[in-house]
Amino acid sequence: QLNNNCIHKTVGYQVPDEECDLNYVTDSNIE
């Protein structure tokens, strides 16, 4: 990820948890 300037998504995530409320990169990869 460091060498490709890409943070890949966390796959399969659908239902938010109010206690796990950080940015888990759930929509798409971050360039």
PDB file of all heavy atoms in Angstrom:
ATOM      1  N   GLN A   1       0.827  -1.210   0.000  1.00  0.00           N
ATOM      2  CA  GLN A   1       0.000   0.000   0.000  1.00  0.00           C
ATOM      3  C   GLN A   1       0.863   1.263   0.000  1.00  0.00           C
ATOM      4  O   GLN A   1       0.579   2.222  -0.728  1.00  0.00           O
ATOM      5  CB  GLN A   1      -0.940  -0.024   1.199  1.00  0.00           C
ATOM      6  CG  GLN A   1      -2.032  -1.086   1.089  1.00  0.00           C
ATOM      7  CD  GLN A   1      -2.927  -1.108   2.311  1.00  0.00           C
ATOM      8  OE1 GLN A   1      -3.941  -0.420   2.365  1.00  0.00           O
ATOM      9  NE2 GLN A   1      -2.559  -1.907   3.303  1.00  0.00           N
ATOM     10  N   LEU A   2       1.913   1.273   0.811  1.00  0.00           N
ATOM     11  CA  LEU A   2       2.819   2.422   0.839  1.00  0.00           C
ATOM     12  C   LEU A   2       3.424   2.688  -0.535  1.00  0.00           C
ATOM     13  O   LEU A   2       3.484   3.840  -0.992  1.00  0.00           O
ATOM     14  CB  LEU A   2       3.952   2.167   1.845  1.00  0.00           C
ATOM     15  CG  LEU A   2       3.658   2.364   3.320  1.00  0.00           C
ATOM     16  CD1 LEU A   2       4.756   1.742   4.169  1.00  0.00           C
ATOM     17  CD2 LEU A   2       3.520   3.850   3.651  1.00  0.00           C
ATOM     18  N   ASN A   3       3.871   1.625  -1.192  1.00  0.00           N
ATOM     19  CA  ASN A   3       4.579   1.792  -2.456  1.00  0.00           C
ATOM     20  C   ASN A   3       3.660   2.036  -3.643  1.00  0.00           C
ATOM     21  O   ASN A   3       4.120   2.431  -4.720  1.00  0.00           O
ATOM     22  CB  ASN A   3       5.464   0.567  -2.721  1.00  0.00           C
ATOM     23  CG  ASN A   3       6.647   0.507  -1.780  1.00  0.00           C
ATOM     24  OD1 ASN A   3       7.032   1.508  -1.180  1.00  0.00           O
ATOM     25  ND2 ASN A   3       7.242  -0.663  -1.620  1.00  0.00           N
ATOM     26  N   ASN A   4       2.373   1.792  -3.450  1.00  0.00           N
ATOM     27  CA  ASN A   4       1.412   2.037  -4.532  1.00  0.00           C
ATOM     28  C   ASN A   4       0.489   3.218  -4.258  1.00  0.00           C
ATOM     29  O   ASN A   4      -0.451   3.463  -5.025  1.00  0.00           O
ATOM     30  CB  ASN A   4       0.583   0.773  -4.780  1.00  0.00           C
ATOM     31  CG  ASN A   4       1.377  -0.325  -5.472  1.00  0.00           C
ATOM     32  OD1 ASN A   4       1.559  -0.308  -6.687  1.00  0.00           O
ATOM     33  ND2 ASN A   4       1.875  -1.281  -4.691  1.00  0.00           N
ATOM     34  N   ASN A   5       0.769   3.951  -3.169  1.00  0.00           N
ATOM     35  CA  ASN A   5      -0.043   5.119  -2.810  1.00  0.00           C
ATOM     36  C   ASN A   5      -1.530   4.769  -2.809  1.00  0.00           C
ATOM     37  O   ASN A   5      -2.378   5.524  -3.297  1.00  0.00           O
ATOM     38  CB  ASN A   5       0.217   6.289  -3.761  1.00  0.00           C
ATOM     39  CG  ASN A   5       1.654   6.758  -3.721  1.00  0.00           C
ATOM     40  OD1 ASN A   5       2.268   6.794  -2.657  1.00  0.00           O
ATOM     41  ND2 ASN A   5       2.204   7.099  -4.873  1.00  0.00           N
ATOM     42  N   CYS A   6      -1.842   3.619  -2.238  1.00  0.00           N
ATOM     43  CA  CYS A   6      -3.218   3.130  -2.258  1.00  0.00           C
ATOM     44  C   CYS A   6      -3.536   2.435  -0.953  1.00  0.00           C
ATOM     45  O   CYS A   6      -2.848   1.476  -0.565  1.00  0.00           O
ATOM     46  CB  CYS A   6      -3.410   2.170  -3.435  1.00  0.00           C
ATOM     47  SG  CYS A   6      -5.027   1.363  -3.480  1.00  0.00           S
ATOM     48  N   ILE A   7      -4.576   2.894  -0.261  1.00  0.00           N
ATOM     49  CA  ILE A   7      -5.092   2.235   0.928  1.00  0.00           C
ATOM     50  C   ILE A   7      -6.344   1.483   0.507  1.00  0.00           C
ATOM     51  O   ILE A   7      -7.353   2.086   0.139  1.00  0.00           O
ATOM     52  CB  ILE A   7      -5.401   3.247   2.042  1.00  0.00           C
ATOM     53  CG1 ILE A   7      -4.125   3.990   2.461  1.00  0.00           C
ATOM     54  CG2 ILE A   7      -6.038   2.542   3.242  1.00  0.00           C
ATOM     55  CD1 ILE A   7      -4.353   5.128   3.430  1.00  0.00           C
ATOM     56  N   HIS A   8      -6.269   0.149   0.509  1.00  0.00           N
ATOM     57  CA  HIS A   8      -7.401  -0.625   0.000  1.00  0.00           C
ATOM     58  C   HIS A   8      -8.554  -0.653   0.997  1.00  0.00           C
ATOM     59  O   HIS A   8      -8.386  -0.431   2.196  1.00  0.00           O
ATOM     60  CB  HIS A   8      -6.969  -2.041  -0.380  1.00  0.00           C
ATOM     61  CG  HIS A   8      -6.494  -2.887   0.774  1.00  0.00           C
ATOM     62  ND1 HIS A   8      -7.334  -3.347   1.765  1.00  0.00           N
ATOM     63  CD2 HIS A   8      -5.251  -3.364   1.077  1.00  0.00           C
ATOM     64  CE1 HIS A   8      -6.636  -4.068   2.627  1.00  0.00           C
ATOM     65  NE2 HIS A   8      -5.379  -4.098   2.244  1.00  0.00           N
ATOM     66  N   LYS A   9      -9.719  -0.965   0.486  1.00  0.00           N
ATOM     67  CA  LYS A   9     -10.909  -0.961   1.332  1.00  0.00           C
ATOM     68  C   LYS A   9     -10.973  -2.199   2.221  1.00  0.00           C
ATOM     69  O   LYS A   9     -10.329  -3.213   1.956  1.00  0.00           O
ATOM     70  CB  LYS A   9     -12.169  -0.864   0.468  1.00  0.00           C
ATOM     71  CG  LYS A   9     -12.471  -2.092  -0.371  1.00  0.00           C
ATOM     72  CD  LYS A   9     -13.769  -1.915  -1.173  1.00  0.00           C
ATOM     73  CE  LYS A   9     -14.997  -1.969  -0.297  1.00  0.00           C
ATOM     74  NZ  LYS A   9     -16.254  -1.989  -1.088  1.00  0.00           N
ATOM     75  N   THR A  10     -11.762  -2.096   3.279  1.00  0.00           N
ATOM     76  CA  THR A  10     -12.149  -3.234   4.095  1.00  0.00           C
ATOM     77  C   THR A  10     -13.402  -3.814   3.456  1.00  0.00           C
ATOM     78  O   THR A  10     -14.441  -3.155   3.395  1.00  0.00           O
ATOM     79  CB  THR A  10     -12.428  -2.796   5.544  1.00  0.00           C
ATOM     80  OG1 THR A  10     -11.239  -2.243   6.106  1.00  0.00           O
ATOM     81  CG2 THR A  10     -12.890  -3.967   6.393  1.00  0.00           C
ATOM     82  N   VAL A  11     -13.298  -5.023   2.958  1.00  0.00           N
ATOM     83  CA  VAL A  11     -14.357  -5.614   2.140  1.00  0.00           C
ATOM     84  C   VAL A  11     -15.455  -6.235   3.010  1.00  0.00           C
ATOM     85  O   VAL A  11     -15.191  -6.739   4.102  1.00  0.00           O
ATOM     86  CB  VAL A  11     -13.743  -6.674   1.202  1.00  0.00           C
ATOM     87  CG1 VAL A  11     -14.814  -7.372   0.362  1.00  0.00           C
ATOM     88  CG2 VAL A  11     -12.712  -6.022   0.283  1.00  0.00           C
ATOM     89  N   GLY A  12     -16.686  -6.195   2.524  1.00  0.00           N
ATOM     90  CA  GLY A  12     -17.799  -6.881   3.164  1.00  0.00           C
ATOM     91  C   GLY A  12     -18.566  -6.065   4.182  1.00  0.00           C
ATOM     92  O   GLY A  12     -19.622  -6.482   4.664  1.00  0.00           O
ATOM     93  N   TYR A  13     -18.056  -4.894   4.522  1.00  0.00           N
ATOM     94  CA  TYR A  13     -18.677  -4.058   5.551  1.00  0.00           C
ATOM     95  C   TYR A  13     -19.997  -3.476   5.036  1.00  0.00           C
ATOM     96  O   TYR A  13     -20.051  -2.892   3.958  1.00  0.00           O
ATOM     97  CB  TYR A  13     -17.715  -2.936   5.922  1.00  0.00           C
ATOM     98  CG  TYR A  13     -18.181  -2.011   7.017  1.00  0.00           C
ATOM     99  CD1 TYR A  13     -17.774  -2.200   8.332  1.00  0.00           C
ATOM    100  CD2 TYR A  13     -19.007  -0.929   6.740  1.00  0.00           C
ATOM    101  CE1 TYR A  13     -18.173  -1.330   9.342  1.00  0.00           C
ATOM    102  CE2 TYR A  13     -19.417  -0.060   7.736  1.00  0.00           C
ATOM    103  CZ  TYR A  13     -19.006  -0.266   9.038  1.00  0.00           C
ATOM    104  OH  TYR A  13     -19.400   0.591  10.033  1.00  0.00           O
ATOM    105  N   GLN A  14     -21.064  -3.619   5.839  1.00  0.00           N
ATOM    106  CA  GLN A  14     -22.374  -3.073   5.455  1.00  0.00           C
ATOM    107  C   GLN A  14     -23.080  -2.345   6.585  1.00  0.00           C
ATOM    108  O   GLN A  14     -23.695  -1.302   6.359  1.00  0.00           O
ATOM    109  CB  GLN A  14     -23.287  -4.211   4.954  1.00  0.00           C
ATOM    110  CG  GLN A  14     -22.868  -4.840   3.647  1.00  0.00           C
ATOM    111  CD  GLN A  14     -23.820  -5.946   3.202  1.00  0.00           C
ATOM    112  OE1 GLN A  14     -24.888  -6.145   3.785  1.00  0.00           O
ATOM    113  NE2 GLN A  14     -23.428  -6.678   2.167  1.00  0.00           N
ATOM    114  N   VAL A  15     -23.007  -2.900   7.800  1.00  0.00           N
ATOM    115  CA  VAL A  15     -23.813  -2.373   8.901  1.00  0.00           C
ATOM    116  C   VAL A  15     -22.930  -1.659   9.917  1.00  0.00           C
ATOM    117  O   VAL A  15     -22.129  -2.304  10.607  1.00  0.00           O
ATOM    118  CB  VAL A  15     -24.595  -3.508   9.591  1.00  0.00           C
ATOM    119  CG1 VAL A  15     -25.517  -2.928  10.668  1.00  0.00           C
ATOM    120  CG2 VAL A  15     -25.389  -4.325   8.577  1.00  0.00           C
ATOM    121  N   PRO A  16     -23.042  -0.343  10.046  1.00  0.00           N
ATOM    122  CA  PRO A  16     -22.208   0.397  11.002  1.00  0.00           C
ATOM    123  C   PRO A  16     -22.481  -0.026  12.450  1.00  0.00           C
ATOM    124  O   PRO A  16     -23.614  -0.356  12.813  1.00  0.00           O
ATOM    125  CB  PRO A  16     -22.615   1.854  10.772  1.00  0.00           C
ATOM    126  CG  PRO A  16     -23.206   1.879   9.399  1.00  0.00           C
ATOM    127  CD  PRO A  16     -23.883   0.552   9.235  1.00  0.00           C
ATOM    128  N   ASP A  17     -21.417  -0.014  13.228  1.00  0.00           N
ATOM    129  CA  ASP A  17     -21.502  -0.299  14.661  1.00  0.00           C
ATOM    130  C   ASP A  17     -21.200   1.003  15.390  1.00  0.00           C
ATOM    131  O   ASP A  17     -20.130   1.595  15.216  1.00  0.00           O
ATOM    132  CB  ASP A  17     -20.479  -1.380  15.021  1.00  0.00           C
ATOM    133  CG  ASP A  17     -20.543  -1.800  16.488  1.00  0.00           C
ATOM    134  OD1 ASP A  17     -21.003  -0.998  17.324  1.00  0.00           O
ATOM    135  OD2 ASP A  17     -20.106  -2.923  16.799  1.00  0.00           O
ATOM    136  N   GLU A  18     -22.138   1.438  16.209  1.00  0.00           N
ATOM    137  CA  GLU A  18     -21.966   2.731  16.891  1.00  0.00           C
ATOM    138  C   GLU A  18     -20.748   2.741  17.814  1.00  0.00           C
ATOM    139  O   GLU A  18     -20.209   3.813  18.121  1.00  0.00           O
ATOM    140  CB  GLU A  18     -23.230   3.102  17.670  1.00  0.00           C
ATOM    141  CG  GLU A  18     -23.673   2.104  18.721  1.00  0.00           C
ATOM    142  CD  GLU A  18     -24.566   0.993  18.155  1.00  0.00           C
ATOM    143  OE1 GLU A  18     -24.686   0.880  16.917  1.00  0.00           O
ATOM    144  OE2 GLU A  18     -25.117   0.240  18.969  1.00  0.00           O
ATOM    145  N   GLU A  19     -20.288   1.583  18.242  1.00  0.00           N
ATOM    146  CA  GLU A  19     -19.109   1.534  19.099  1.00  0.00           C
ATOM    147  C   GLU A  19     -17.804   1.447  18.299  1.00  0.00           C
ATOM    148  O   GLU A  19     -16.734   1.723  18.833  1.00  0.00           O
ATOM    149  CB  GLU A  19     -19.204   0.346  20.059  1.00  0.00           C
ATOM    150  CG  GLU A  19     -20.288   0.479  21.103  1.00  0.00           C
ATOM    151  CD  GLU A  19     -20.196  -0.593  22.156  1.00  0.00           C
ATOM    152  OE1 GLU A  19     -20.579  -1.737  21.865  1.00  0.00           O
ATOM    153  OE2 GLU A  19     -19.723  -0.304  23.277  1.00  0.00           O
ATOM    154  N   CYS A  20     -17.887   1.037  17.058  1.00  0.00           N
ATOM    155  CA  CYS A  20     -16.732   1.019  16.155  1.00  0.00           C
ATOM    156  C   CYS A  20     -16.978   2.105  15.120  1.00  0.00           C
ATOM    157  O   CYS A  20     -17.561   1.864  14.053  1.00  0.00           O
ATOM    158  CB  CYS A  20     -16.581  -0.348  15.489  1.00  0.00           C
ATOM    159  SG  CYS A  20     -16.200  -1.686  16.634  1.00  0.00           S
ATOM    160  N   ASP A  21     -16.554   3.316  15.465  1.00  0.00           N
ATOM    161  CA  ASP A  21     -17.012   4.492  14.714  1.00  0.00           C
ATOM    162  C   ASP A  21     -15.863   5.269  14.059  1.00  0.00           C
ATOM    163  O   ASP A  21     -15.946   6.481  13.861  1.00  0.00           O
ATOM    164  CB  ASP A  21     -17.794   5.425  15.632  1.00  0.00           C
ATOM    165  CG  ASP A  21     -17.006   5.840  16.874  1.00  0.00           C
ATOM    166  OD1 ASP A  21     -15.887   5.307  17.082  1.00  0.00           O
ATOM    167  OD2 ASP A  21     -17.495   6.695  17.642  1.00  0.00           O
ATOM    168  N   LEU A  22     -14.797   4.541  13.678  1.00  0.00           N
ATOM    169  CA  LEU A  22     -13.690   5.189  12.985  1.00  0.00           C
ATOM    170  C   LEU A  22     -13.808   4.951  11.481  1.00  0.00           C
ATOM    171  O   LEU A  22     -14.750   4.313  11.009  1.00  0.00           O
ATOM    172  CB  LEU A  22     -12.360   4.669  13.542  1.00  0.00           C
ATOM    173  CG  LEU A  22     -12.144   4.940  15.037  1.00  0.00           C
ATOM    174  CD1 LEU A  22     -10.835   4.314  15.521  1.00  0.00           C
ATOM    175  CD2 LEU A  22     -12.168   6.441  15.342  1.00  0.00           C
ATOM    176  N   ASN A  23     -12.852   5.471  10.726  1.00  0.00           N
ATOM    177  CA  ASN A  23     -12.882   5.325   9.266  1.00  0.00           C
ATOM    178  C   ASN A  23     -12.177   4.038   8.871  1.00  0.00           C
ATOM    179  O   ASN A  23     -10.953   3.989   8.795  1.00  0.00           O
ATOM    180  CB  ASN A  23     -12.214   6.527   8.600  1.00  0.00           C
ATOM    181  CG  ASN A  23     -12.251   6.428   7.083  1.00  0.00           C
ATOM    182  OD1 ASN A  23     -12.765   5.471   6.514  1.00  0.00           O
ATOM    183  ND2 ASN A  23     -11.706   7.435   6.412  1.00  0.00           N
ATOM    184  N   TYR A  24     -12.958   2.983   8.595  1.00  0.00           N
ATOM    185  CA  TYR A  24     -12.398   1.683   8.264  1.00  0.00           C
ATOM    186  C   TYR A  24     -12.288   1.456   6.754  1.00  0.00           C
ATOM    187  O   TYR A  24     -12.140   0.318   6.307  1.00  0.00           O
ATOM    188  CB  TYR A  24     -13.238   0.577   8.911  1.00  0.00           C
ATOM    189  CG  TYR A  24     -13.398   0.746  10.409  1.00  0.00           C
ATOM    190  CD1 TYR A  24     -14.624   1.110  10.958  1.00  0.00           C
ATOM    191  CD2 TYR A  24     -12.316   0.574  11.266  1.00  0.00           C
ATOM    192  CE1 TYR A  24     -14.776   1.295  12.329  1.00  0.00           C
ATOM    193  CE2 TYR A  24     -12.457   0.750  12.635  1.00  0.00           C
ATOM    194  CZ  TYR A  24     -13.690   1.116  13.171  1.00  0.00           C
ATOM    195  OH  TYR A  24     -13.828   1.303  14.526  1.00  0.00           O
ATOM    196  N   VAL A  25     -12.354   2.529   5.984  1.00  0.00           N
ATOM    197  CA  VAL A  25     -12.196   2.504   4.522  1.00  0.00           C
ATOM    198  C   VAL A  25     -13.141   1.447   3.932  1.00  0.00           C
ATOM    199  O   VAL A  25     -12.722   0.435   3.380  1.00  0.00           O
ATOM    200  CB  VAL A  25     -10.738   2.226   4.101  1.00  0.00           C
ATOM    201  CG1 VAL A  25     -10.538   2.503   2.608  1.00  0.00           C
ATOM    202  CG2 VAL A  25      -9.753   3.060   4.905  1.00  0.00           C
ATOM    203  N   THR A  26     -14.419   1.703   4.057  1.00  0.00           N
ATOM    204  CA  THR A  26     -15.429   0.700   3.697  1.00  0.00           C
ATOM    205  C   THR A  26     -16.088   0.936   2.345  1.00  0.00           C
ATOM    206  O   THR A  26     -16.805   0.052   1.861  1.00  0.00           O
ATOM    207  CB  THR A  26     -16.522   0.658   4.777  1.00  0.00           C
ATOM    208  OG1 THR A  26     -17.087   1.969   4.925  1.00  0.00           O
ATOM    209  CG2 THR A  26     -15.936   0.209   6.108  1.00  0.00           C
ATOM    210  N   ASP A  27     -15.876   2.087   1.745  1.00  0.00           N
ATOM    211  CA  ASP A  27     -16.561   2.384   0.472  1.00  0.00           C
ATOM    212  C   ASP A  27     -15.727   2.030  -0.744  1.00  0.00           C
ATOM    213  O   ASP A  27     -16.199   1.372  -1.667  1.00  0.00           O
ATOM    214  CB  ASP A  27     -16.966   3.863   0.421  1.00  0.00           C
ATOM    215  CG  ASP A  27     -18.028   4.208   1.447  1.00  0.00           C
ATOM    216  OD1 ASP A  27     -18.856   3.324   1.747  1.00  0.00           O
ATOM    217  OD2 ASP A  27     -18.014   5.338   1.962  1.00  0.00           O
ATOM    218  N   SER A  28     -14.494   2.502  -0.765  1.00  0.00           N
ATOM    219  CA  SER A  28     -13.621   2.269  -1.916  1.00  0.00           C
ATOM    220  C   SER A  28     -12.178   2.503  -1.507  1.00  0.00           C
ATOM    221  O   SER A  28     -11.905   3.053  -0.431  1.00  0.00           O
ATOM    222  CB  SER A  28     -13.999   3.194  -3.077  1.00  0.00           C
ATOM    223  OG  SER A  28     -13.842   4.554  -2.699  1.00  0.00           O
ATOM    224  N   ASN A  29     -11.257   2.097  -2.349  1.00  0.00           N
ATOM    225  CA  ASN A  29      -9.840   2.349  -2.087  1.00  0.00           C
ATOM    226  C   ASN A  29      -9.576   3.847  -2.007  1.00  0.00           C
ATOM    227  O   ASN A  29     -10.251   4.650  -2.669  1.00  0.00           O
ATOM    228  CB  ASN A  29      -8.980   1.751  -3.197  1.00  0.00           C
ATOM    229  CG  ASN A  29      -9.071   0.242  -3.271  1.00  0.00           C
ATOM    230  OD1 ASN A  29      -9.612  -0.406  -2.376  1.00  0.00           O
ATOM    231  ND2 ASN A  29      -8.529  -0.332  -4.328  1.00  0.00           N
ATOM    232  N   ILE A  30      -8.577   4.215  -1.214  1.00  0.00           N
ATOM    233  CA  ILE A  30      -8.175   5.620  -1.087  1.00  0.00           C
ATOM    234  C   ILE A  30      -6.835   5.796  -1.793  1.00  0.00           C
ATOM    235  O   ILE A  30      -5.840   5.165  -1.427  1.00  0.00           O
ATOM    236  CB  ILE A  30      -8.025   6.031   0.400  1.00  0.00           C
ATOM    237  CG1 ILE A  30      -9.318   5.753   1.170  1.00  0.00           C
ATOM    238  CG2 ILE A  30      -7.603   7.495   0.504  1.00  0.00           C
ATOM    239  CD1 ILE A  30     -10.502   6.554   0.736  1.00  0.00           C
ATOM    240  N   GLU A  31      -6.818   6.624  -2.811  1.00  0.00           N
ATOM    241  CA  GLU A  31      -5.568   6.921  -3.523  1.00  0.00           C
ATOM    242  C   GLU A  31      -4.916   8.110  -2.833  1.00  0.00           C
ATOM    243  O   GLU A  31      -5.408   9.237  -2.901  1.00  0.00           O
ATOM    244  CB  GLU A  31      -5.848   7.243  -4.998  1.00  0.00           C
ATOM    245  CG  GLU A  31      -6.567   6.131  -5.755  1.00  0.00           C
ATOM    246  CD  GLU A  31      -5.738   4.871  -5.900  1.00  0.00           C
ATOM    247  OE1 GLU A  31      -4.485   4.976  -5.916  1.00  0.00           O
ATOM    248  OE2 GLU A  31      -6.332   3.776  -5.997  1.00  0.00           O
TER     249      GLU A  31
END
